[in-house]
Every structure is written in structure tokens, then in C-alpha cells.
Amino acid sequence: MFAVAAGGYLTTRSLLRATHVSRLQSDFVSAVSHEFRTPLTAIRHLSQLLARGRVSSDERRAAFYELLVHESDRLHRLDRGPVELRPTRSRRAGLQLRVGGPGAVPARDRRGLST
């Protein structure tokens, strides 16, 4: 009887570990995908505004070009930089991906996004 109970416990524990590893893999893929999509979306948006002539002044155009360089640098860091994973503090356990340093656009750069 003890052997059956021990076997059931070990099977359950093994299944829980496999589920946990699967969730970690899914979270990692999701984080990497997000880190690539964010600068690509910004580059696309900025370049469309510039191409369509929707940027009103030379000063704003210069700021947009600066943001394009910043976002392309982010992509370059993703390609070249070390990957660092940190646990997140949220209800849903997961990982937060940092590649080559912080990935957020500084507040001073976000102001230049409006047309």
C-alpha cells in the first residue's frame, strides 16, 4: 500500500514540475517576443508619420529621427546583449526579460511621439 501511495506522490510531483517548466518556457518566449515587438512597433509608427509628412516642424522631425535611432539601438542590444531574467512580483508568477539594460523609452523621449 505504501508503494502505491509513494508512486502516486512521485507521479503528481513530476507532473507539477513539468507544468511549471512549461509555464516558464511560455513566459520566456512571450517576454522575448514583447521585447522585439516594442521597438519594431515604435520604428514603424515613427517612420510612417515621417513618410506621410505628418510631423509639423523641423524640431519634431529631428526628435523623431532621434527616437528612430534609439529604438534601432534597442533592437541591436537585443541581438548583441546578454539576456537577464528576473522574477516578477505579480499574481501570476513569471519572469521579466531585460536585454542589455532597461528597455523602456525614457519619459523625455516619449514626449516627442505626438505629432
PDB file of N, CA and C in Angstrom:
ATOM      1  N   MET A   1       0.823  -1.192   0.000  1.00  0.00           N
ATOM      2  CA  MET A   1       0.000   0.000   0.000  1.00  0.00           C
ATOM      3  C   MET A   1       0.877   1.270   0.000  1.00  0.00           C
ATOM      4  N   PHE A   2       1.961   1.201   0.776  1.00  0.00           N
ATOM      5  CA  PHE A   2       2.868   2.339   0.851  1.00  0.00           C
ATOM      6  C   PHE A   2       3.489   2.632  -0.523  1.00  0.00           C
ATOM      7  N   ALA A   3       3.820   1.578  -1.262  1.00  0.00           N
ATOM      8  CA  ALA A   3       4.437   1.744  -2.578  1.00  0.00           C
ATOM      9  C   ALA A   3       3.487   2.445  -3.544  1.00  0.00           C
ATOM     10  N   VAL A   4       2.207   2.147  -3.477  1.00  0.00           N
ATOM     11  CA  VAL A   4       1.220   2.783  -4.349  1.00  0.00           C
ATOM     12  C   VAL A   4       1.098   4.268  -4.020  1.00  0.00           C
ATOM     13  N   ALA A   5       1.053   4.586  -2.734  1.00  0.00           N
ATOM     14  CA  ALA A   5       0.954   5.983  -2.313  1.00  0.00           C
ATOM     15  C   ALA A   5       2.201   6.759  -2.715  1.00  0.00           C
ATOM     16  N   ALA A   6       3.368   6.177  -2.528  1.00  0.00           N
ATOM     17  CA  ALA A   6       4.623   6.835  -2.894  1.00  0.00           C
ATOM     18  C   ALA A   6       4.687   7.040  -4.410  1.00  0.00           C
ATOM     19  N   GLY A   7       4.241   6.055  -5.165  1.00  0.00           N
ATOM     20  CA  GLY A   7       4.225   6.177  -6.628  1.00  0.00           C
ATOM     21  C   GLY A   7       3.290   7.281  -7.083  1.00  0.00           C
ATOM     22  N   GLY A   8       2.123   7.372  -6.463  1.00  0.00           N
ATOM     23  CA  GLY A   8       1.179   8.438  -6.787  1.00  0.00           C
ATOM     24  C   GLY A   8       1.742   9.806  -6.470  1.00  0.00           C
ATOM     25  N   TYR A   9       2.404   9.923  -5.320  1.00  0.00           N
ATOM     26  CA  TYR A   9       3.017  11.196  -4.914  1.00  0.00           C
ATOM     27  C   TYR A   9       4.094  11.612  -5.918  1.00  0.00           C
ATOM     28  N   LEU A  10       4.979  10.663  -6.273  1.00  0.00           N
ATOM     29  CA  LEU A  10       6.068  10.982  -7.194  1.00  0.00           C
ATOM     30  C   LEU A  10       5.547  11.338  -8.590  1.00  0.00           C
ATOM     31  N   THR A  11       4.507  10.667  -9.031  1.00  0.00           N
ATOM     32  CA  THR A  11       3.911  10.979 -10.331  1.00  0.00           C
ATOM     33  C   THR A  11       3.308  12.382 -10.324  1.00  0.00           C
ATOM     34  N   THR A  12       2.573  12.699  -9.265  1.00  0.00           N
ATOM     35  CA  THR A  12       1.970  14.030  -9.143  1.00  0.00           C
ATOM     36  C   THR A  12       3.040  15.113  -9.103  1.00  0.00           C
ATOM     37  N   ARG A  13       4.078  14.866  -8.331  1.00  0.00           N
ATOM     38  CA  ARG A  13       5.167  15.843  -8.219  1.00  0.00           C
ATOM     39  C   ARG A  13       5.855  16.047  -9.571  1.00  0.00           C
ATOM     40  N   SER A  14       6.063  14.964 -10.296  1.00  0.00           N
ATOM     41  CA  SER A  14       6.688  15.048 -11.614  1.00  0.00           C
ATOM     42  C   SER A  14       5.818  15.847 -12.588  1.00  0.00           C
ATOM     43  N   LEU A  15       4.517  15.624 -12.562  1.00  0.00           N
ATOM     44  CA  LEU A  15       3.599  16.366 -13.427  1.00  0.00           C
ATOM     45  C   LEU A  15       3.579  17.857 -13.079  1.00  0.00           C
ATOM     46  N   LEU A  16       3.617  18.174 -11.798  1.00  0.00           N
ATOM     47  CA  LEU A  16       3.630  19.587 -11.382  1.00  0.00           C
ATOM     48  C   LEU A  16       4.910  20.277 -11.846  1.00  0.00           C
ATOM     49  N   ARG A  17       6.038  19.590 -11.745  1.00  0.00           N
ATOM     50  CA  ARG A  17       7.304  20.168 -12.216  1.00  0.00           C
ATOM     51  C   ARG A  17       7.269  20.401 -13.725  1.00  0.00           C
ATOM     52  N   ALA A  18       6.750  19.429 -14.466  1.00  0.00           N
ATOM     53  CA  ALA A  18       6.669  19.572 -15.922  1.00  0.00           C
ATOM     54  C   ALA A  18       5.772  20.747 -16.296  1.00  0.00           C
ATOM     55  N   THR A  19       4.673  20.913 -15.585  1.00  0.00           N
ATOM     56  CA  THR A  19       3.773  22.041 -15.830  1.00  0.00           C
ATOM     57  C   THR A  19       4.471  23.363 -15.537  1.00  0.00           C
ATOM     58  N   HIS A  20       5.223  23.404 -14.453  1.00  0.00           N
ATOM     59  CA  HIS A  20       5.948  24.624 -14.074  1.00  0.00           C
ATOM     60  C   HIS A  20       6.996  24.980 -15.130  1.00  0.00           C
ATOM     61  N   VAL A  21       7.749  24.003 -15.593  1.00  0.00           N
ATOM     62  CA  VAL A  21       8.768  24.253 -16.620  1.00  0.00           C
ATOM     63  C   VAL A  21       8.108  24.727 -17.910  1.00  0.00           C
ATOM     64  N   SER A  22       6.994  24.136 -18.264  1.00  0.00           N
ATOM     65  CA  SER A  22       6.272  24.553 -19.464  1.00  0.00           C
ATOM     66  C   SER A  22       5.815  26.002 -19.348  1.00  0.00           C
ATOM     67  N   ARG A  23       5.335  26.391 -18.174  1.00  0.00           N
ATOM     68  CA  ARG A  23       4.893  27.768 -17.950  1.00  0.00           C
ATOM     69  C   ARG A  23       6.080  28.728 -18.037  1.00  0.00           C
ATOM     70  N   LEU A  24       7.221  28.349 -17.473  1.00  0.00           N
ATOM     71  CA  LEU A  24       8.414  29.196 -17.562  1.00  0.00           C
ATOM     72  C   LEU A  24       8.853  29.387 -19.010  1.00  0.00           C
ATOM     73  N   GLN A  25       8.811  28.318 -19.794  1.00  0.00           N
ATOM     74  CA  GLN A  25       9.186  28.423 -21.203  1.00  0.00           C
ATOM     75  C   GLN A  25       8.234  29.353 -21.954  1.00  0.00           C
ATOM     76  N   SER A  26       6.956  29.214 -21.690  1.00  0.00           N
ATOM     77  CA  SER A  26       5.956  30.054 -22.341  1.00  0.00           C
ATOM     78  C   SER A  26       6.143  31.524 -21.962  1.00  0.00           C
ATOM     79  N   ASP A  27       6.406  31.789 -20.684  1.00  0.00           N
ATOM     80  CA  ASP A  27       6.636  33.163 -20.229  1.00  0.00           C
ATOM     81  C   ASP A  27       7.889  33.756 -20.865  1.00  0.00           C
ATOM     82  N   PHE A  28       8.924  32.940 -21.005  1.00  0.00           N
ATOM     83  CA  PHE A  28      10.163  33.412 -21.614  1.00  0.00           C
ATOM     84  C   PHE A  28       9.933  33.793 -23.073  1.00  0.00           C
ATOM     85  N   VAL A  29       9.279  32.934 -23.818  1.00  0.00           N
ATOM     86  CA  VAL A  29       9.003  33.212 -25.233  1.00  0.00           C
ATOM     87  C   VAL A  29       8.155  34.471 -25.361  1.00  0.00           C
ATOM     88  N   SER A  30       7.172  34.613 -24.488  1.00  0.00           N
ATOM     89  CA  SER A  30       6.304  35.789 -24.510  1.00  0.00           C
ATOM     90  C   SER A  30       7.106  37.058 -24.219  1.00  0.00           C
ATOM     91  N   ALA A  31       8.000  36.997 -23.242  1.00  0.00           N
ATOM     92  CA  ALA A  31       8.812  38.173 -22.888  1.00  0.00           C
ATOM     93  C   ALA A  31       9.756  38.556 -24.024  1.00  0.00           C
ATOM     94  N   VAL A  32      10.398  37.576 -24.633  1.00  0.00           N
ATOM     95  CA  VAL A  32      11.311  37.860 -25.746  1.00  0.00           C
ATOM     96  C   VAL A  32      10.540  38.452 -26.916  1.00  0.00           C
ATOM     97  N   SER A  33       9.403  37.873 -27.208  1.00  0.00           N
ATOM     98  CA  SER A  33       8.566  38.380 -28.294  1.00  0.00           C
ATOM     99  C   SER A  33       8.165  39.830 -28.042  1.00  0.00           C
ATOM    100  N   HIS A  34       7.773  40.138 -26.817  1.00  0.00           N
ATOM    101  CA  HIS A  34       7.386  41.509 -26.468  1.00  0.00           C
ATOM    102  C   HIS A  34       8.567  42.460 -26.630  1.00  0.00           C
ATOM    103  N   GLU A  35       9.744  42.040 -26.187  1.00  0.00           N
ATOM    104  CA  GLU A  35      10.928  42.902 -26.276  1.00  0.00           C
ATOM    105  C   GLU A  35      11.295  43.215 -27.722  1.00  0.00           C
ATOM    106  N   PHE A  36      11.019  42.312 -28.642  1.00  0.00           N
ATOM    107  CA  PHE A  36      11.272  42.582 -30.051  1.00  0.00           C
ATOM    108  C   PHE A  36      10.168  43.425 -30.675  1.00  0.00           C
ATOM    109  N   ARG A  37       8.923  43.159 -30.310  1.00  0.00           N
ATOM    110  CA  ARG A  37       7.805  43.886 -30.924  1.00  0.00           C
ATOM    111  C   ARG A  37       7.770  45.357 -30.521  1.00  0.00           C
ATOM    112  N   THR A  38       8.153  45.680 -29.293  1.00  0.00           N
ATOM    113  CA  THR A  38       8.052  47.056 -28.813  1.00  0.00           C
ATOM    114  C   THR A  38       8.864  48.026 -29.666  1.00  0.00           C
ATOM    115  N   PRO A  39      10.165  47.816 -29.859  1.00  0.00           N
ATOM    116  CA  PRO A  39      10.894  48.773 -30.709  1.00  0.00           C
ATOM    117  C   PRO A  39      10.464  48.711 -32.172  1.00  0.00           C
ATOM    118  N   LEU A  40      10.089  47.542 -32.659  1.00  0.00           N
ATOM    119  CA  LEU A  40       9.629  47.450 -34.050  1.00  0.00           C
ATOM    120  C   LEU A  40       8.363  48.271 -34.266  1.00  0.00           C
ATOM    121  N   THR A  41       7.449  48.212 -33.306  1.00  0.00           N
ATOM    122  CA  THR A  41       6.216  48.992 -33.408  1.00  0.00           C
ATOM    123  C   THR A  41       6.524  50.481 -33.386  1.00  0.00           C
ATOM    124  N   ALA A  42       7.418  50.902 -32.506  1.00  0.00           N
ATOM    125  CA  ALA A  42       7.785  52.320 -32.436  1.00  0.00           C
ATOM    126  C   ALA A  42       8.447  52.782 -33.728  1.00  0.00           C
ATOM    127  N   ILE A  43       9.356  51.971 -34.258  1.00  0.00           N
ATOM    128  CA  ILE A  43      10.034  52.327 -35.507  1.00  0.00           C
ATOM    129  C   ILE A  43       9.021  52.443 -36.645  1.00  0.00           C
ATOM    130  N   ARG A  44       8.115  51.512 -36.718  1.00  0.00           N
ATOM    131  CA  ARG A  44       7.095  51.550 -37.776  1.00  0.00           C
ATOM    132  C   ARG A  44       6.230  52.802 -37.654  1.00  0.00           C
ATOM    133  N   HIS A  45       5.766  53.085 -36.448  1.00  0.00           N
ATOM    134  CA  HIS A  45       4.902  54.244 -36.222  1.00  0.00           C
ATOM    135  C   HIS A  45       5.627  55.549 -36.574  1.00  0.00           C
ATOM    136  N   LEU A  46       6.832  55.711 -36.066  1.00  0.00           N
ATOM    137  CA  LEU A  46       7.593  56.937 -36.319  1.00  0.00           C
ATOM    138  C   LEU A  46       7.898  57.109 -37.805  1.00  0.00           C
ATOM    139  N   SER A  47       8.323  56.014 -38.451  1.00  0.00           N
ATOM    140  CA  SER A  47       8.671  56.127 -39.875  1.00  0.00           C
ATOM    141  C   SER A  47       7.435  56.416 -40.728  1.00  0.00           C
ATOM    142  N   GLN A  48       6.281  55.871 -40.368  1.00  0.00           N
ATOM    143  CA  GLN A  48       5.056  56.175 -41.114  1.00  0.00           C
ATOM    144  C   GLN A  48       4.678  57.644 -40.976  1.00  0.00           C
ATOM    145  N   LEU A  49       4.773  58.174 -39.775  1.00  0.00           N
ATOM    146  CA  LEU A  49       4.460  59.590 -39.577  1.00  0.00           C
ATOM    147  C   LEU A  49       5.387  60.479 -40.394  1.00  0.00           C
ATOM    148  N   LEU A  50       6.680  60.146 -40.396  1.00  0.00           N
ATOM    149  CA  LEU A  50       7.640  60.933 -41.165  1.00  0.00           C
ATOM    150  C   LEU A  50       7.378  60.797 -42.666  1.00  0.00           C
ATOM    151  N   ALA A  51       7.139  59.587 -43.137  1.00  0.00           N
ATOM    152  CA  ALA A  51       6.927  59.341 -44.571  1.00  0.00           C
ATOM    153  C   ALA A  51       5.664  60.027 -45.083  1.00  0.00           C
ATOM    154  N   ARG A  52       4.649  60.138 -44.254  1.00  0.00           N
ATOM    155  CA  ARG A  52       3.379  60.747 -44.665  1.00  0.00           C
ATOM    156  C   ARG A  52       3.356  62.263 -44.445  1.00  0.00           C
ATOM    157  N   GLY A  53       4.463  62.812 -43.964  1.00  0.00           N
ATOM    158  CA  GLY A  53       4.544  64.254 -43.763  1.00  0.00           C
ATOM    159  C   GLY A  53       3.668  64.772 -42.636  1.00  0.00           C
ATOM    160  N   ARG A  54       3.428  63.957 -41.639  1.00  0.00           N
ATOM    161  CA  ARG A  54       2.528  64.344 -40.547  1.00  0.00           C
ATOM    162  C   ARG A  54       3.254  64.949 -39.353  1.00  0.00           C
ATOM    163  N   VAL A  55       4.525  65.218 -39.511  1.00  0.00           N
ATOM    164  CA  VAL A  55       5.282  65.853 -38.433  1.00  0.00           C
ATOM    165  C   VAL A  55       5.403  67.324 -38.777  1.00  0.00           C
ATOM    166  N   SER A  56       4.913  68.165 -37.878  1.00  0.00           N
ATOM    167  CA  SER A  56       4.684  69.565 -38.202  1.00  0.00           C
ATOM    168  C   SER A  56       5.930  70.436 -38.307  1.00  0.00           C
ATOM    169  N   SER A  57       6.964  70.176 -37.555  1.00  0.00           N
ATOM    170  CA  SER A  57       8.108  71.099 -37.552  1.00  0.00           C
ATOM    171  C   SER A  57       9.421  70.339 -37.717  1.00  0.00           C
ATOM    172  N   ASP A  58      10.446  71.091 -38.078  1.00  0.00           N
ATOM    173  CA  ASP A  58      11.782  70.503 -38.214  1.00  0.00           C
ATOM    174  C   ASP A  58      12.285  69.992 -36.868  1.00  0.00           C
ATOM    175  N   GLU A  59      11.946  70.704 -35.796  1.00  0.00           N
ATOM    176  CA  GLU A  59      12.367  70.297 -34.458  1.00  0.00           C
ATOM    177  C   GLU A  59      11.759  68.935 -34.089  1.00  0.00           C
ATOM    178  N   ARG A  60      10.485  68.777 -34.390  1.00  0.00           N
ATOM    179  CA  ARG A  60       9.811  67.498 -34.106  1.00  0.00           C
ATOM    180  C   ARG A  60      10.352  66.379 -34.988  1.00  0.00           C
ATOM    181  N   ARG A  61      10.631  66.701 -36.251  1.00  0.00           N
ATOM    182  CA  ARG A  61      11.216  65.699 -37.141  1.00  0.00           C
ATOM    183  C   ARG A  61      12.562  65.235 -36.600  1.00  0.00           C
ATOM    184  N   ALA A  62      13.363  66.158 -36.136  1.00  0.00           N
ATOM    185  CA  ALA A  62      14.661  65.799 -35.558  1.00  0.00           C
ATOM    186  C   ALA A  62      14.479  64.893 -34.335  1.00  0.00           C
ATOM    187  N   ALA A  63      13.481  65.203 -33.500  1.00  0.00           N
ATOM    188  CA  ALA A  63      13.200  64.370 -32.322  1.00  0.00           C
ATOM    189  C   ALA A  63      12.754  62.974 -32.749  1.00  0.00           C
ATOM    190  N   PHE A  64      11.966  62.895 -33.806  1.00  0.00           N
ATOM    191  CA  PHE A  64      11.510  61.595 -34.299  1.00  0.00           C
ATOM    192  C   PHE A  64      12.686  60.782 -34.835  1.00  0.00           C
ATOM    193  N   TYR A  65      13.581  61.437 -35.564  1.00  0.00           N
ATOM    194  CA  TYR A  65      14.763  60.727 -36.061  1.00  0.00           C
ATOM    195  C   TYR A  65      15.617  60.220 -34.896  1.00  0.00           C
ATOM    196  N   GLU A  66      15.714  61.013 -33.856  1.00  0.00           N
ATOM    197  CA  GLU A  66      16.459  60.602 -32.663  1.00  0.00           C
ATOM    198  C   GLU A  66      15.810  59.371 -32.025  1.00  0.00           C
ATOM    199  N   LEU A  67      14.488  59.369 -31.969  1.00  0.00           N
ATOM    200  CA  LEU A  67      13.775  58.210 -31.429  1.00  0.00           C
ATOM    201  C   LEU A  67      13.969  56.974 -32.306  1.00  0.00           C
ATOM    202  N   LEU A  68      14.009  57.156 -33.617  1.00  0.00           N
ATOM    203  CA  LEU A  68      14.273  56.028 -34.505  1.00  0.00           C
ATOM    204  C   LEU A  68      15.642  55.410 -34.217  1.00  0.00           C
ATOM    205  N   VAL A  69      16.630  56.257 -34.001  1.00  0.00           N
ATOM    206  CA  VAL A  69      17.970  55.761 -33.663  1.00  0.00           C
ATOM    207  C   VAL A  69      17.928  55.023 -32.323  1.00  0.00           C
ATOM    208  N   HIS A  70      17.222  55.601 -31.347  1.00  0.00           N
ATOM    209  CA  HIS A  70      17.110  54.980 -30.019  1.00  0.00           C
ATOM    210  C   HIS A  70      16.473  53.590 -30.117  1.00  0.00           C
ATOM    211  N   GLU A  71      15.377  53.480 -30.859  1.00  0.00           N
ATOM    212  CA  GLU A  71      14.674  52.202 -30.968  1.00  0.00           C
ATOM    213  C   GLU A  71      15.490  51.183 -31.758  1.00  0.00           C
ATOM    214  N   SER A  72      16.199  51.623 -32.782  1.00  0.00           N
ATOM    215  CA  SER A  72      17.043  50.675 -33.528  1.00  0.00           C
ATOM    216  C   SER A  72      18.211  50.217 -32.656  1.00  0.00           C
ATOM    217  N   ASP A  73      18.701  51.086 -31.774  1.00  0.00           N
ATOM    218  CA  ASP A  73      19.739  50.681 -30.812  1.00  0.00           C
ATOM    219  C   ASP A  73      19.197  49.619 -29.860  1.00  0.00           C
ATOM    220  N   ARG A  74      17.936  49.761 -29.456  1.00  0.00           N
ATOM    221  CA  ARG A  74      17.318  48.745 -28.593  1.00  0.00           C
ATOM    222  C   ARG A  74      17.311  47.394 -29.291  1.00  0.00           C
ATOM    223  N   LEU A  75      16.949  47.380 -30.567  1.00  0.00           N
ATOM    224  CA  LEU A  75      16.957  46.121 -31.317  1.00  0.00           C
ATOM    225  C   LEU A  75      18.365  45.548 -31.410  1.00  0.00           C
ATOM    226  N   HIS A  76      19.332  46.418 -31.611  1.00  0.00           N
ATOM    227  CA  HIS A  76      20.723  45.968 -31.684  1.00  0.00           C
ATOM    228  C   HIS A  76      21.147  45.334 -30.364  1.00  0.00           C
ATOM    229  N   ARG A  77      20.759  45.947 -29.237  1.00  0.00           N
ATOM    230  CA  ARG A  77      21.094  45.374 -27.923  1.00  0.00           C
ATOM    231  C   ARG A  77      20.426  44.019 -27.725  1.00  0.00           C
ATOM    232  N   LEU A  78      19.215  43.857 -28.256  1.00  0.00           N
ATOM    233  CA  LEU A  78      18.549  42.556 -28.165  1.00  0.00           C
ATOM    234  C   LEU A  78      19.358  41.494 -28.900  1.00  0.00           C
ATOM    235  N   ASP A  79      19.920  41.888 -30.019  1.00  0.00           N
ATOM    236  CA  ASP A  79      20.702  40.955 -30.820  1.00  0.00           C
ATOM    237  C   ASP A  79      22.060  40.665 -30.185  1.00  0.00           C
ATOM    238  N   ARG A  80      22.651  41.662 -29.565  1.00  0.00           N
ATOM    239  CA  ARG A  80      24.022  41.540 -29.052  1.00  0.00           C
ATOM    240  C   ARG A  80      24.138  41.412 -27.531  1.00  0.00           C
ATOM    241  N   GLY A  81      23.116  41.901 -26.806  1.00  0.00           N
ATOM    242  CA  GLY A  81      23.239  41.997 -25.362  1.00  0.00           C
ATOM    243  C   GLY A  81      22.940  40.695 -24.635  1.00  0.00           C
ATOM    244  N   PRO A  82      23.419  40.607 -23.402  1.00  0.00           N
ATOM    245  CA  PRO A  82      23.120  39.426 -22.585  1.00  0.00           C
ATOM    246  C   PRO A  82      21.659  39.426 -22.160  1.00  0.00           C
ATOM    247  N   VAL A  83      21.097  38.265 -22.026  1.00  0.00           N
ATOM    248  CA  VAL A  83      19.718  38.126 -21.581  1.00  0.00           C
ATOM    249  C   VAL A  83      19.731  37.922 -20.071  1.00  0.00           C
ATOM    250  N   GLU A  84      18.919  38.697 -19.384  1.00  0.00           N
ATOM    251  CA  GLU A  84      18.834  38.608 -17.928  1.00  0.00           C
ATOM    252  C   GLU A  84      17.373  38.405 -17.551  1.00  0.00           C
ATOM    253  N   LEU A  85      17.102  37.379 -16.784  1.00  0.00           N
ATOM    254  CA  LEU A  85      15.742  37.104 -16.347  1.00  0.00           C
ATOM    255  C   LEU A  85      15.624  37.403 -14.863  1.00  0.00           C
ATOM    256  N   ARG A  86      14.533  38.066 -14.493  1.00  0.00           N
ATOM    257  CA  ARG A  86      14.259  38.373 -13.091  1.00  0.00           C
ATOM    258  C   ARG A  86      12.848  37.935 -12.754  1.00  0.00           C
ATOM    259  N   PRO A  87      12.640  37.418 -11.563  1.00  0.00           N
ATOM    260  CA  PRO A  87      11.266  37.078 -11.166  1.00  0.00           C
ATOM    261  C   PRO A  87      10.418  38.340 -11.081  1.00  0.00           C
ATOM    262  N   THR A  88       9.159  38.238 -11.462  1.00  0.00           N
ATOM    263  CA  THR A  88       8.263  39.379 -11.369  1.00  0.00           C
ATOM    264  C   THR A  88       7.481  39.310 -10.077  1.00  0.00           C
ATOM    265  N   ARG A  89       6.985  40.433  -9.660  1.00  0.00           N
ATOM    266  CA  ARG A  89       6.140  40.487  -8.472  1.00  0.00           C
ATOM    267  C   ARG A  89       4.723  40.750  -8.923  1.00  0.00           C
ATOM    268  N   SER A  90       4.031  39.704  -9.231  1.00  0.00           N
ATOM    269  CA  SER A  90       2.651  39.834  -9.667  1.00  0.00           C
ATOM    270  C   SER A  90       1.890  38.606  -9.209  1.00  0.00           C
ATOM    271  N   ARG A  91       0.589  38.652  -9.409  1.00  0.00           N
ATOM    272  CA  ARG A  91      -0.224  37.495  -9.050  1.00  0.00           C
ATOM    273  C   ARG A  91       0.224  36.266  -9.818  1.00  0.00           C
ATOM    274  N   ARG A  92       0.409  36.477 -11.103  1.00  0.00           N
ATOM    275  CA  ARG A  92       0.826  35.365 -11.955  1.00  0.00           C
ATOM    276  C   ARG A  92       2.345  35.267 -11.908  1.00  0.00           C
ATOM    277  N   ALA A  93       2.847  34.176 -11.398  1.00  0.00           N
ATOM    278  CA  ALA A  93       4.295  34.006 -11.312  1.00  0.00           C
ATOM    279  C   ALA A  93       4.862  34.015 -12.718  1.00  0.00           C
ATOM    280  N   GLY A  94       5.974  34.675 -12.888  1.00  0.00           N
ATOM    281  CA  GLY A  94       6.564  34.725 -14.207  1.00  0.00           C
ATOM    282  C   GLY A  94       7.943  35.322 -14.170  1.00  0.00           C
ATOM    283  N   LEU A  95       8.458  35.617 -15.344  1.00  0.00           N
ATOM    284  CA  LEU A  95       9.783  36.188 -15.474  1.00  0.00           C
ATOM    285  C   LEU A  95       9.691  37.483 -16.247  1.00  0.00           C
ATOM    286  N   GLN A  96      10.593  38.386 -15.938  1.00  0.00           N
ATOM    287  CA  GLN A  96      10.690  39.644 -16.662  1.00  0.00           C
ATOM    288  C   GLN A  96      12.017  39.620 -17.402  1.00  0.00           C
ATOM    289  N   LEU A  97      11.992  39.931 -18.678  1.00  0.00           N
ATOM    290  CA  LEU A  97      13.177  39.882 -19.507  1.00  0.00           C
ATOM    291  C   LEU A  97      13.817  41.257 -19.592  1.00  0.00           C
ATOM    292  N   ARG A  98      15.110  41.305 -19.373  1.00  0.00           N
ATOM    293  CA  ARG A  98      15.892  42.526 -19.571  1.00  0.00           C
ATOM    294  C   ARG A  98      17.025  42.158 -20.501  1.00  0.00           C
ATOM    295  N   VAL A  99      17.179  42.893 -21.578  1.00  0.00           N
ATOM    296  CA  VAL A  99      18.222  42.611 -22.545  1.00  0.00           C
ATOM    297  C   VAL A  99      19.095  43.835 -22.669  1.00  0.00           C
ATOM    298  N   GLY A 100      20.353  43.704 -22.327  1.00  0.00           N
ATOM    299  CA  GLY A 100      21.302  44.784 -22.490  1.00  0.00           C
ATOM    300  C   GLY A 100      20.923  46.053 -21.759  1.00  0.00           C
ATOM    301  N   GLY A 101      20.193  45.969 -20.677  1.00  0.00           N
ATOM    302  CA  GLY A 101      19.808  47.139 -19.899  1.00  0.00           C
ATOM    303  C   GLY A 101      18.324  47.395 -19.995  1.00  0.00           C
ATOM    304  N   PRO A 102      17.870  48.449 -19.339  1.00  0.00           N
ATOM    305  CA  PRO A 102      16.441  48.751 -19.319  1.00  0.00           C
ATOM    306  C   PRO A 102      15.905  48.963 -20.725  1.00  0.00           C
ATOM    307  N   GLY A 103      14.700  48.455 -20.975  1.00  0.00           N
ATOM    308  CA  GLY A 103      14.144  48.550 -22.309  1.00  0.00           C
ATOM    309  C   GLY A 103      13.125  49.656 -22.493  1.00  0.00           C
ATOM    310  N   ALA A 104      12.777  50.355 -21.447  1.00  0.00           N
ATOM    311  CA  ALA A 104      11.729  51.369 -21.572  1.00  0.00           C
ATOM    312  C   ALA A 104      12.258  52.633 -22.230  1.00  0.00           C
ATOM    313  N   VAL A 105      11.409  53.281 -22.982  1.00  0.00           N
ATOM    314  CA  VAL A 105      11.753  54.574 -23.572  1.00  0.00           C
ATOM    315  C   VAL A 105      11.679  55.606 -22.457  1.00  0.00           C
ATOM    316  N   PRO A 106      12.752  56.376 -22.231  1.00  0.00           N
ATOM    317  CA  PRO A 106      12.706  57.395 -21.183  1.00  0.00           C
ATOM    318  C   PRO A 106      11.572  58.388 -21.413  1.00  0.00           C
ATOM    319  N   ALA A 107      11.046  58.956 -20.336  1.00  0.00           N
ATOM    320  CA  ALA A 107       9.924  59.887 -20.415  1.00  0.00           C
ATOM    321  C   ALA A 107      10.238  61.055 -21.350  1.00  0.00           C
ATOM    322  N   ARG A 108      11.463  61.537 -21.343  1.00  0.00           N
ATOM    323  CA  ARG A 108      11.824  62.672 -22.207  1.00  0.00           C
ATOM    324  C   ARG A 108      11.681  62.300 -23.678  1.00  0.00           C
ATOM    325  N   ASP A 109      11.872  61.011 -24.030  1.00  0.00           N
ATOM    326  CA  ASP A 109      11.717  60.581 -25.415  1.00  0.00           C
ATOM    327  C   ASP A 109      10.259  60.335 -25.776  1.00  0.00           C
ATOM    328  N   ARG A 110       9.451  59.899 -24.815  1.00  0.00           N
ATOM    329  CA  ARG A 110       8.039  59.629 -25.104  1.00  0.00           C
ATOM    330  C   ARG A 110       7.306  60.912 -25.460  1.00  0.00           C
ATOM    331  N   ARG A 111       7.736  62.058 -24.924  1.00  0.00           N
ATOM    332  CA  ARG A 111       7.045  63.317 -25.218  1.00  0.00           C
ATOM    333  C   ARG A 111       7.091  63.632 -26.708  1.00  0.00           C
ATOM    334  N   GLY A 112       8.137  63.212 -27.404  1.00  0.00           N
ATOM    335  CA  GLY A 112       8.277  63.522 -28.824  1.00  0.00           C
ATOM    336  C   GLY A 112       7.417  62.662 -29.738  1.00  0.00           C
ATOM    337  N   LEU A 113       6.646  61.730 -29.181  1.00  0.00           N
ATOM    338  CA  LEU A 113       5.877  60.817 -30.023  1.00  0.00           C
ATOM    339  C   LEU A 113       4.619  61.418 -30.592  1.00  0.00           C
ATOM    340  N   SER A 114       4.098  62.486 -30.014  1.00  0.00           N
ATOM    341  CA  SER A 114       2.872  63.072 -30.555  1.00  0.00           C
ATOM    342  C   SER A 114       3.217  63.928 -31.758  1.00  0.00           C
ATOM    343  N   THR A 115       2.255  64.063 -32.665  1.00  0.00           N
ATOM    344  CA  THR A 115       2.517  64.833 -33.896  1.00  0.00           C
ATOM    345  C   THR A 115       2.163  66.285 -33.722  1.00  0.00           C
TER     346      THR A 115
END
